[in-house]
Amino acid sequence: MSQQVGSSLQPHRGTLVLILGILAICCNICGVPGILAWIFGAADLKQMQAGTMDREGEGLTKAGWIMGMVGTGLWVIGFIGYIALVFLGALAGAIQ
């Protein structure tokens, strides 16, 4: 369903959400791209389901939204692992 001339539908941001999702998987700097993809994707999908946004980019939006969630999860796991290594390193230094 393409947006017609004079239509009141908002344009989709599927490409933006997909790019943020890809960045979340590849190089998630401080978790920002993943969180943005997650937030924008959820909001846009909700607007698409309500009929206020062009549904043409729904597939791109869903893919970016999912990649944002995965990227954020990976970032959280990596951050927790980093904190654990720092704690273990400090603990090993204190034992000697």
PDB file of N, CA and C in Angstrom:
ATOM      1  N   MET A   1       0.839  -1.158   0.000  1.00  0.00           N
ATOM      2  CA  MET A   1       0.000   0.000   0.000  1.00  0.00           C
ATOM      3  C   MET A   1       0.892   1.231   0.000  1.00  0.00           C
ATOM      4  N   SER A   2       1.039   1.893  -1.122  1.00  0.00           N
ATOM      5  CA  SER A   2       1.888   3.062  -1.244  1.00  0.00           C
ATOM      6  C   SER A   2       1.147   4.301  -0.788  1.00  0.00           C
ATOM      7  N   GLN A   3       1.927   5.286  -0.384  1.00  0.00           N
ATOM      8  CA  GLN A   3       1.334   6.549   0.025  1.00  0.00           C
ATOM      9  C   GLN A   3       0.878   7.296  -1.215  1.00  0.00           C
ATOM     10  N   GLN A   4      -0.369   7.708  -1.245  1.00  0.00           N
ATOM     11  CA  GLN A   4      -0.918   8.387  -2.396  1.00  0.00           C
ATOM     12  C   GLN A   4      -0.765   9.888  -2.233  1.00  0.00           C
ATOM     13  N   VAL A   5      -0.821  10.610  -3.367  1.00  0.00           N
ATOM     14  CA  VAL A   5      -0.712  12.057  -3.351  1.00  0.00           C
ATOM     15  C   VAL A   5      -1.881  12.614  -2.550  1.00  0.00           C
ATOM     16  N   GLY A   6      -1.595  13.518  -1.624  1.00  0.00           N
ATOM     17  CA  GLY A   6      -2.633  14.113  -0.811  1.00  0.00           C
ATOM     18  C   GLY A   6      -3.021  13.263   0.390  1.00  0.00           C
ATOM     19  N   SER A   7      -2.355  12.151   0.603  1.00  0.00           N
ATOM     20  CA  SER A   7      -2.657  11.268   1.726  1.00  0.00           C
ATOM     21  C   SER A   7      -2.157  11.901   3.019  1.00  0.00           C
ATOM     22  N   SER A   8      -2.858  11.647   4.110  1.00  0.00           N
ATOM     23  CA  SER A   8      -2.471  12.222   5.397  1.00  0.00           C
ATOM     24  C   SER A   8      -1.557  11.290   6.189  1.00  0.00           C
ATOM     25  N   LEU A   9      -1.102  10.199   5.584  1.00  0.00           N
ATOM     26  CA  LEU A   9      -0.215   9.264   6.276  1.00  0.00           C
ATOM     27  C   LEU A   9       1.183   9.857   6.408  1.00  0.00           C
ATOM     28  N   GLN A  10       1.793   9.617   7.559  1.00  0.00           N
ATOM     29  CA  GLN A  10       3.178  10.026   7.756  1.00  0.00           C
ATOM     30  C   GLN A  10       4.080   9.088   6.969  1.00  0.00           C
ATOM     31  N   PRO A  11       5.206   9.590   6.443  1.00  0.00           N
ATOM     32  CA  PRO A  11       6.136   8.693   5.752  1.00  0.00           C
ATOM     33  C   PRO A  11       6.821   7.761   6.757  1.00  0.00           C
ATOM     34  N   HIS A  12       7.119   6.554   6.313  1.00  0.00           N
ATOM     35  CA  HIS A  12       7.771   5.595   7.214  1.00  0.00           C
ATOM     36  C   HIS A  12       9.244   5.943   7.385  1.00  0.00           C
ATOM     37  N   ARG A  13       9.833   5.454   8.479  1.00  0.00           N
ATOM     38  CA  ARG A  13      11.266   5.634   8.740  1.00  0.00           C
ATOM     39  C   ARG A  13      11.968   4.285   8.762  1.00  0.00           C
ATOM     40  N   GLY A  14      11.492   3.374   7.929  1.00  0.00           N
ATOM     41  CA  GLY A  14      12.027   2.019   7.920  1.00  0.00           C
ATOM     42  C   GLY A  14      13.513   1.956   7.646  1.00  0.00           C
ATOM     43  N   THR A  15      13.981   2.788   6.712  1.00  0.00           N
ATOM     44  CA  THR A  15      15.408   2.780   6.372  1.00  0.00           C
ATOM     45  C   THR A  15      16.245   3.242   7.556  1.00  0.00           C
ATOM     46  N   LEU A  16      15.800   4.299   8.237  1.00  0.00           N
ATOM     47  CA  LEU A  16      16.525   4.800   9.404  1.00  0.00           C
ATOM     48  C   LEU A  16      16.578   3.742  10.507  1.00  0.00           C
ATOM     49  N   VAL A  17      15.452   3.108  10.779  1.00  0.00           N
ATOM     50  CA  VAL A  17      15.404   2.087  11.831  1.00  0.00           C
ATOM     51  C   VAL A  17      16.296   0.908  11.459  1.00  0.00           C
ATOM     52  N   LEU A  18      16.293   0.514  10.184  1.00  0.00           N
ATOM     53  CA  LEU A  18      17.141  -0.591   9.742  1.00  0.00           C
ATOM     54  C   LEU A  18      18.619  -0.248   9.886  1.00  0.00           C
ATOM     55  N   ILE A  19      19.009   0.960   9.504  1.00  0.00           N
ATOM     56  CA  ILE A  19      20.413   1.378   9.637  1.00  0.00           C
ATOM     57  C   ILE A  19      20.830   1.391  11.107  1.00  0.00           C
ATOM     58  N   LEU A  20      19.969   1.919  11.970  1.00  0.00           N
ATOM     59  CA  LEU A  20      20.280   1.907  13.405  1.00  0.00           C
ATOM     60  C   LEU A  20      20.387   0.480  13.937  1.00  0.00           C
ATOM     61  N   GLY A  21      19.525  -0.417  13.445  1.00  0.00           N
ATOM     62  CA  GLY A  21      19.599  -1.817  13.855  1.00  0.00           C
ATOM     63  C   GLY A  21      20.891  -2.482  13.410  1.00  0.00           C
ATOM     64  N   ILE A  22      21.319  -2.186  12.189  1.00  0.00           N
ATOM     65  CA  ILE A  22      22.591  -2.740  11.691  1.00  0.00           C
ATOM     66  C   ILE A  22      23.756  -2.206  12.516  1.00  0.00           C
ATOM     67  N   LEU A  23      23.734  -0.899  12.822  1.00  0.00           N
ATOM     68  CA  LEU A  23      24.786  -0.316  13.662  1.00  0.00           C
ATOM     69  C   LEU A  23      24.782  -0.940  15.059  1.00  0.00           C
ATOM     70  N   ALA A  24      23.598  -1.288  15.551  1.00  0.00           N
ATOM     71  CA  ALA A  24      23.502  -1.917  16.875  1.00  0.00           C
ATOM     72  C   ALA A  24      24.199  -3.268  16.895  1.00  0.00           C
ATOM     73  N   ILE A  25      24.111  -4.005  15.790  1.00  0.00           N
ATOM     74  CA  ILE A  25      24.761  -5.313  15.714  1.00  0.00           C
ATOM     75  C   ILE A  25      26.267  -5.151  15.480  1.00  0.00           C
ATOM     76  N   CYS A  26      26.647  -4.233  14.596  1.00  0.00           N
ATOM     77  CA  CYS A  26      28.055  -4.099  14.188  1.00  0.00           C
ATOM     78  C   CYS A  26      28.906  -3.308  15.166  1.00  0.00           C
ATOM     79  N   CYS A  27      28.454  -2.137  15.561  1.00  0.00           N
ATOM     80  CA  CYS A  27      29.275  -1.262  16.417  1.00  0.00           C
ATOM     81  C   CYS A  27      28.367  -0.451  17.329  1.00  0.00           C
ATOM     82  N   ASN A  28      27.862  -1.085  18.353  1.00  0.00           N
ATOM     83  CA  ASN A  28      26.888  -0.466  19.250  1.00  0.00           C
ATOM     84  C   ASN A  28      27.611   0.393  20.279  1.00  0.00           C
ATOM     85  N   ILE A  29      27.874   1.644  19.923  1.00  0.00           N
ATOM     86  CA  ILE A  29      28.607   2.569  20.783  1.00  0.00           C
ATOM     87  C   ILE A  29      27.721   2.963  21.971  1.00  0.00           C
ATOM     88  N   CYS A  30      28.072   2.544  23.162  1.00  0.00           N
ATOM     89  CA  CYS A  30      27.344   2.844  24.397  1.00  0.00           C
ATOM     90  C   CYS A  30      25.875   2.440  24.331  1.00  0.00           C
ATOM     91  N   GLY A  31      25.510   1.545  23.442  1.00  0.00           N
ATOM     92  CA  GLY A  31      24.140   1.077  23.349  1.00  0.00           C
ATOM     93  C   GLY A  31      23.191   2.021  22.639  1.00  0.00           C
ATOM     94  N   VAL A  32      23.669   3.179  22.183  1.00  0.00           N
ATOM     95  CA  VAL A  32      22.787   4.210  21.619  1.00  0.00           C
ATOM     96  C   VAL A  32      22.068   3.755  20.350  1.00  0.00           C
ATOM     97  N   PRO A  33      22.758   3.230  19.321  1.00  0.00           N
ATOM     98  CA  PRO A  33      22.014   2.839  18.109  1.00  0.00           C
ATOM     99  C   PRO A  33      20.959   1.769  18.374  1.00  0.00           C
ATOM    100  N   GLY A  34      21.268   0.827  19.236  1.00  0.00           N
ATOM    101  CA  GLY A  34      20.315  -0.236  19.542  1.00  0.00           C
ATOM    102  C   GLY A  34      19.081   0.285  20.253  1.00  0.00           C
ATOM    103  N   ILE A  35      19.295   1.163  21.214  1.00  0.00           N
ATOM    104  CA  ILE A  35      18.173   1.734  21.955  1.00  0.00           C
ATOM    105  C   ILE A  35      17.317   2.591  21.037  1.00  0.00           C
ATOM    106  N   LEU A  36      17.959   3.399  20.173  1.00  0.00           N
ATOM    107  CA  LEU A  36      17.201   4.236  19.237  1.00  0.00           C
ATOM    108  C   LEU A  36      16.404   3.382  18.249  1.00  0.00           C
ATOM    109  N   ALA A  37      17.012   2.318  17.734  1.00  0.00           N
ATOM    110  CA  ALA A  37      16.297   1.437  16.806  1.00  0.00           C
ATOM    111  C   ALA A  37      15.106   0.793  17.504  1.00  0.00           C
ATOM    112  N   TRP A  38      15.286   0.409  18.741  1.00  0.00           N
ATOM    113  CA  TRP A  38      14.230  -0.220  19.527  1.00  0.00           C
ATOM    114  C   TRP A  38      13.064   0.762  19.737  1.00  0.00           C
ATOM    115  N   ILE A  39      13.383   1.995  20.152  1.00  0.00           N
ATOM    116  CA  ILE A  39      12.357   3.002  20.432  1.00  0.00           C
ATOM    117  C   ILE A  39      11.646   3.441  19.152  1.00  0.00           C
ATOM    118  N   PHE A  40      12.433   3.825  18.129  1.00  0.00           N
ATOM    119  CA  PHE A  40      11.829   4.293  16.873  1.00  0.00           C
ATOM    120  C   PHE A  40      11.013   3.186  16.214  1.00  0.00           C
ATOM    121  N   GLY A  41      11.553   1.969  16.222  1.00  0.00           N
ATOM    122  CA  GLY A  41      10.858   0.854  15.592  1.00  0.00           C
ATOM    123  C   GLY A  41       9.533   0.558  16.264  1.00  0.00           C
ATOM    124  N   ALA A  42       9.523   0.529  17.592  1.00  0.00           N
ATOM    125  CA  ALA A  42       8.283   0.257  18.324  1.00  0.00           C
ATOM    126  C   ALA A  42       7.244   1.344  18.074  1.00  0.00           C
ATOM    127  N   ALA A  43       7.683   2.601  18.094  1.00  0.00           N
ATOM    128  CA  ALA A  43       6.751   3.711  17.876  1.00  0.00           C
ATOM    129  C   ALA A  43       6.193   3.681  16.455  1.00  0.00           C
ATOM    130  N   ASP A  44       7.059   3.430  15.480  1.00  0.00           N
ATOM    131  CA  ASP A  44       6.607   3.416  14.086  1.00  0.00           C
ATOM    132  C   ASP A  44       5.674   2.244  13.806  1.00  0.00           C
ATOM    133  N   LEU A  45       5.971   1.076  14.361  1.00  0.00           N
ATOM    134  CA  LEU A  45       5.089  -0.081  14.168  1.00  0.00           C
ATOM    135  C   LEU A  45       3.718   0.170  14.780  1.00  0.00           C
ATOM    136  N   LYS A  46       3.704   0.844  15.932  1.00  0.00           N
ATOM    137  CA  LYS A  46       2.429   1.175  16.568  1.00  0.00           C
ATOM    138  C   LYS A  46       1.625   2.137  15.684  1.00  0.00           C
ATOM    139  N   GLN A  47       2.315   3.126  15.092  1.00  0.00           N
ATOM    140  CA  GLN A  47       1.628   4.070  14.195  1.00  0.00           C
ATOM    141  C   GLN A  47       1.162   3.382  12.917  1.00  0.00           C
ATOM    142  N   MET A  48       1.931   2.434  12.417  1.00  0.00           N
ATOM    143  CA  MET A  48       1.526   1.697  11.218  1.00  0.00           C
ATOM    144  C   MET A  48       0.271   0.875  11.494  1.00  0.00           C
ATOM    145  N   GLN A  49       0.228   0.234  12.655  1.00  0.00           N
ATOM    146  CA  GLN A  49      -0.944  -0.560  13.008  1.00  0.00           C
ATOM    147  C   GLN A  49      -2.170   0.317  13.233  1.00  0.00           C
ATOM    148  N   ALA A  50      -1.948   1.562  13.698  1.00  0.00           N
ATOM    149  CA  ALA A  50      -3.061   2.489  13.914  1.00  0.00           C
ATOM    150  C   ALA A  50      -3.536   3.114  12.605  1.00  0.00           C
ATOM    151  N   GLY A  51      -2.741   2.963  11.540  1.00  0.00           N
ATOM    152  CA  GLY A  51      -3.125   3.505  10.250  1.00  0.00           C
ATOM    153  C   GLY A  51      -2.734   4.953  10.017  1.00  0.00           C
ATOM    154  N   THR A  52      -1.820   5.478  10.848  1.00  0.00           N
ATOM    155  CA  THR A  52      -1.392   6.865  10.672  1.00  0.00           C
ATOM    156  C   THR A  52      -0.039   6.997   9.987  1.00  0.00           C
ATOM    157  N   MET A  53       0.625   5.874   9.730  1.00  0.00           N
ATOM    158  CA  MET A  53       1.927   5.889   9.057  1.00  0.00           C
ATOM    159  C   MET A  53       1.884   4.917   7.887  1.00  0.00           C
ATOM    160  N   ASP A  54       2.614   5.272   6.836  1.00  0.00           N
ATOM    161  CA  ASP A  54       2.694   4.445   5.630  1.00  0.00           C
ATOM    162  C   ASP A  54       3.247   3.068   5.984  1.00  0.00           C
ATOM    163  N   ARG A  55       2.523   2.017   5.619  1.00  0.00           N
ATOM    164  CA  ARG A  55       2.929   0.643   5.955  1.00  0.00           C
ATOM    165  C   ARG A  55       3.924   0.057   4.962  1.00  0.00           C
ATOM    166  N   GLU A  56       4.317   0.802   3.963  1.00  0.00           N
ATOM    167  CA  GLU A  56       5.242   0.277   2.956  1.00  0.00           C
ATOM    168  C   GLU A  56       6.582  -0.130   3.573  1.00  0.00           C
ATOM    169  N   GLY A  57       7.014   0.566   4.608  1.00  0.00           N
ATOM    170  CA  GLY A  57       8.299   0.258   5.238  1.00  0.00           C
ATOM    171  C   GLY A  57       8.189  -0.640   6.447  1.00  0.00           C
ATOM    172  N   GLU A  58       7.097  -1.374   6.574  1.00  0.00           N
ATOM    173  CA  GLU A  58       6.887  -2.204   7.757  1.00  0.00           C
ATOM    174  C   GLU A  58       7.942  -3.296   7.901  1.00  0.00           C
ATOM    175  N   GLY A  59       8.322  -3.915   6.798  1.00  0.00           N
ATOM    176  CA  GLY A  59       9.337  -4.974   6.851  1.00  0.00           C
ATOM    177  C   GLY A  59      10.688  -4.444   7.293  1.00  0.00           C
ATOM    178  N   LEU A  60      11.089  -3.298   6.733  1.00  0.00           N
ATOM    179  CA  LEU A  60      12.355  -2.686   7.136  1.00  0.00           C
ATOM    180  C   LEU A  60      12.324  -2.296   8.612  1.00  0.00           C
ATOM    181  N   THR A  61      11.187  -1.734   9.027  1.00  0.00           N
ATOM    182  CA  THR A  61      11.052  -1.298  10.414  1.00  0.00           C
ATOM    183  C   THR A  61      11.127  -2.483  11.373  1.00  0.00           C
ATOM    184  N   LYS A  62      10.428  -3.575  11.045  1.00  0.00           N
ATOM    185  CA  LYS A  62      10.471  -4.758  11.914  1.00  0.00           C
ATOM    186  C   LYS A  62      11.878  -5.329  12.008  1.00  0.00           C
ATOM    187  N   ALA A  63      12.568  -5.400  10.863  1.00  0.00           N
ATOM    188  CA  ALA A  63      13.934  -5.939  10.865  1.00  0.00           C
ATOM    189  C   ALA A  63      14.859  -5.077  11.715  1.00  0.00           C
ATOM    190  N   GLY A  64      14.791  -3.761  11.548  1.00  0.00           N
ATOM    191  CA  GLY A  64      15.625  -2.855  12.333  1.00  0.00           C
ATOM    192  C   GLY A  64      15.291  -2.892  13.806  1.00  0.00           C
ATOM    193  N   TRP A  65      13.989  -3.007  14.121  1.00  0.00           N
ATOM    194  CA  TRP A  65      13.535  -3.083  15.507  1.00  0.00           C
ATOM    195  C   TRP A  65      14.092  -4.332  16.188  1.00  0.00           C
ATOM    196  N   ILE A  66      14.021  -5.463  15.495  1.00  0.00           N
ATOM    197  CA  ILE A  66      14.542  -6.719  16.055  1.00  0.00           C
ATOM    198  C   ILE A  66      16.057  -6.651  16.209  1.00  0.00           C
ATOM    199  N   MET A  67      16.747  -6.113  15.196  1.00  0.00           N
ATOM    200  CA  MET A  67      18.206  -5.991  15.307  1.00  0.00           C
ATOM    201  C   MET A  67      18.591  -5.044  16.433  1.00  0.00           C
ATOM    202  N   GLY A  68      17.794  -4.012  16.662  1.00  0.00           N
ATOM    203  CA  GLY A  68      18.054  -3.102  17.773  1.00  0.00           C
ATOM    204  C   GLY A  68      17.949  -3.806  19.108  1.00  0.00           C
ATOM    205  N   MET A  69      16.937  -4.669  19.245  1.00  0.00           N
ATOM    206  CA  MET A  69      16.788  -5.430  20.490  1.00  0.00           C
ATOM    207  C   MET A  69      17.956  -6.394  20.679  1.00  0.00           C
ATOM    208  N   VAL A  70      18.331  -7.102  19.619  1.00  0.00           N
ATOM    209  CA  VAL A  70      19.450  -8.054  19.695  1.00  0.00           C
ATOM    210  C   VAL A  70      20.754  -7.316  20.005  1.00  0.00           C
ATOM    211  N   GLY A  71      20.985  -6.207  19.296  1.00  0.00           N
ATOM    212  CA  GLY A  71      22.205  -5.426  19.525  1.00  0.00           C
ATOM    213  C   GLY A  71      22.287  -4.887  20.943  1.00  0.00           C
ATOM    214  N   THR A  72      21.162  -4.423  21.471  1.00  0.00           N
ATOM    215  CA  THR A  72      21.144  -3.917  22.842  1.00  0.00           C
ATOM    216  C   THR A  72      21.404  -5.049  23.833  1.00  0.00           C
ATOM    217  N   GLY A  73      20.808  -6.210  23.584  1.00  0.00           N
ATOM    218  CA  GLY A  73      21.057  -7.365  24.450  1.00  0.00           C
ATOM    219  C   GLY A  73      22.519  -7.777  24.443  1.00  0.00           C
ATOM    220  N   LEU A  74      23.121  -7.799  23.267  1.00  0.00           N
ATOM    221  CA  LEU A  74      24.541  -8.139  23.169  1.00  0.00           C
ATOM    222  C   LEU A  74      25.406  -7.115  23.885  1.00  0.00           C
ATOM    223  N   TRP A  75      25.031  -5.837  23.752  1.00  0.00           N
ATOM    224  CA  TRP A  75      25.788  -4.783  24.425  1.00  0.00           C
ATOM    225  C   TRP A  75      25.702  -4.950  25.940  1.00  0.00           C
ATOM    226  N   VAL A  76      24.519  -5.248  26.460  1.00  0.00           N
ATOM    227  CA  VAL A  76      24.336  -5.431  27.906  1.00  0.00           C
ATOM    228  C   VAL A  76      25.161  -6.615  28.397  1.00  0.00           C
ATOM    229  N   ILE A  77      25.132  -7.716  27.646  1.00  0.00           N
ATOM    230  CA  ILE A  77      25.927  -8.896  28.032  1.00  0.00           C
ATOM    231  C   ILE A  77      27.416  -8.556  28.026  1.00  0.00           C
ATOM    232  N   GLY A  78      27.880  -7.848  27.008  1.00  0.00           N
ATOM    233  CA  GLY A  78      29.281  -7.443  26.943  1.00  0.00           C
ATOM    234  C   GLY A  78      29.668  -6.503  28.068  1.00  0.00           C
ATOM    235  N   PHE A  79      28.784  -5.574  28.402  1.00  0.00           N
ATOM    236  CA  PHE A  79      29.064  -4.629  29.487  1.00  0.00           C
ATOM    237  C   PHE A  79      29.150  -5.349  30.833  1.00  0.00           C
ATOM    238  N   ILE A  80      28.230  -6.265  31.068  1.00  0.00           N
ATOM    239  CA  ILE A  80      28.266  -7.046  32.318  1.00  0.00           C
ATOM    240  C   ILE A  80      29.537  -7.887  32.377  1.00  0.00           C
ATOM    241  N   GLY A  81      29.924  -8.482  31.243  1.00  0.00           N
ATOM    242  CA  GLY A  81      31.172  -9.251  31.198  1.00  0.00           C
ATOM    243  C   GLY A  81      32.388  -8.389  31.482  1.00  0.00           C
ATOM    244  N   TYR A  82      32.395  -7.177  30.948  1.00  0.00           N
ATOM    245  CA  TYR A  82      33.509  -6.254  31.184  1.00  0.00           C
ATOM    246  C   TYR A  82      33.598  -5.894  32.668  1.00  0.00           C
ATOM    247  N   ILE A  83      32.453  -5.579  33.274  1.00  0.00           N
ATOM    248  CA  ILE A  83      32.434  -5.246  34.703  1.00  0.00           C
ATOM    249  C   ILE A  83      32.912  -6.441  35.533  1.00  0.00           C
ATOM    250  N   ALA A  84      32.507  -7.651  35.163  1.00  0.00           N
ATOM    251  CA  ALA A  84      32.933  -8.848  35.884  1.00  0.00           C
ATOM    252  C   ALA A  84      34.444  -9.036  35.772  1.00  0.00           C
ATOM    253  N   LEU A  85      34.998  -8.810  34.576  1.00  0.00           N
ATOM    254  CA  LEU A  85      36.453  -8.940  34.412  1.00  0.00           C
ATOM    255  C   LEU A  85      37.209  -7.906  35.227  1.00  0.00           C
ATOM    256  N   VAL A  86      36.714  -6.674  35.255  1.00  0.00           N
ATOM    257  CA  VAL A  86      37.365  -5.635  36.058  1.00  0.00           C
ATOM    258  C   VAL A  86      37.306  -6.003  37.537  1.00  0.00           C
ATOM    259  N   PHE A  87      36.146  -6.477  37.982  1.00  0.00           N
ATOM    260  CA  PHE A  87      35.995  -6.884  39.384  1.00  0.00           C
ATOM    261  C   PHE A  87      36.928  -8.042  39.721  1.00  0.00           C
ATOM    262  N   LEU A  88      36.981  -9.045  38.839  1.00  0.00           N
ATOM    263  CA  LEU A  88      37.858 -10.190  39.079  1.00  0.00           C
ATOM    264  C   LEU A  88      39.330  -9.782  39.054  1.00  0.00           C
ATOM    265  N   GLY A  89      39.691  -8.852  38.167  1.00  0.00           N
ATOM    266  CA  GLY A  89      41.062  -8.368  38.117  1.00  0.00           C
ATOM    267  C   GLY A  89      41.435  -7.611  39.388  1.00  0.00           C
ATOM    268  N   ALA A  90      40.513  -6.796  39.884  1.00  0.00           N
ATOM    269  CA  ALA A  90      40.768  -6.075  41.121  1.00  0.00           C
ATOM    270  C   ALA A  90      40.861  -7.049  42.302  1.00  0.00           C
ATOM    271  N   LEU A  91      40.012  -8.059  42.293  1.00  0.00           N
ATOM    272  CA  LEU A  91      40.034  -9.063  43.344  1.00  0.00           C
ATOM    273  C   LEU A  91      41.334  -9.853  43.323  1.00  0.00           C
ATOM    274  N   ALA A  92      41.800 -10.218  42.121  1.00  0.00           N
ATOM    275  CA  ALA A  92      43.065 -10.964  42.001  1.00  0.00           C
ATOM    276  C   ALA A  92      44.230 -10.104  42.441  1.00  0.00           C
ATOM    277  N   GLY A  93      44.185  -8.815  42.154  1.00  0.00           N
ATOM    278  CA  GLY A  93      45.259  -7.908  42.598  1.00  0.00           C
ATOM    279  C   GLY A  93      45.263  -7.727  44.101  1.00  0.00           C
ATOM    280  N   ALA A  94      44.100  -7.771  44.726  1.00  0.00           N
ATOM    281  CA  ALA A  94      44.011  -7.584  46.169  1.00  0.00           C
ATOM    282  C   ALA A  94      44.485  -8.820  46.918  1.00  0.00           C
ATOM    283  N   ILE A  95      44.386  -9.993  46.297  1.00  0.00           N
ATOM    284  CA  ILE A  95      44.790 -11.244  46.950  1.00  0.00           C
ATOM    285  C   ILE A  95      46.314 -11.344  47.029  1.00  0.00           C
ATOM    286  N   GLN A  96      46.996 -10.831  46.018  1.00  0.00           N
ATOM    287  CA  GLN A  96      48.462 -10.963  46.006  1.00  0.00           C
ATOM    288  C   GLN A  96      49.123 -10.063  46.953  1.00  0.00           C
TER     289      GLN A  96
END
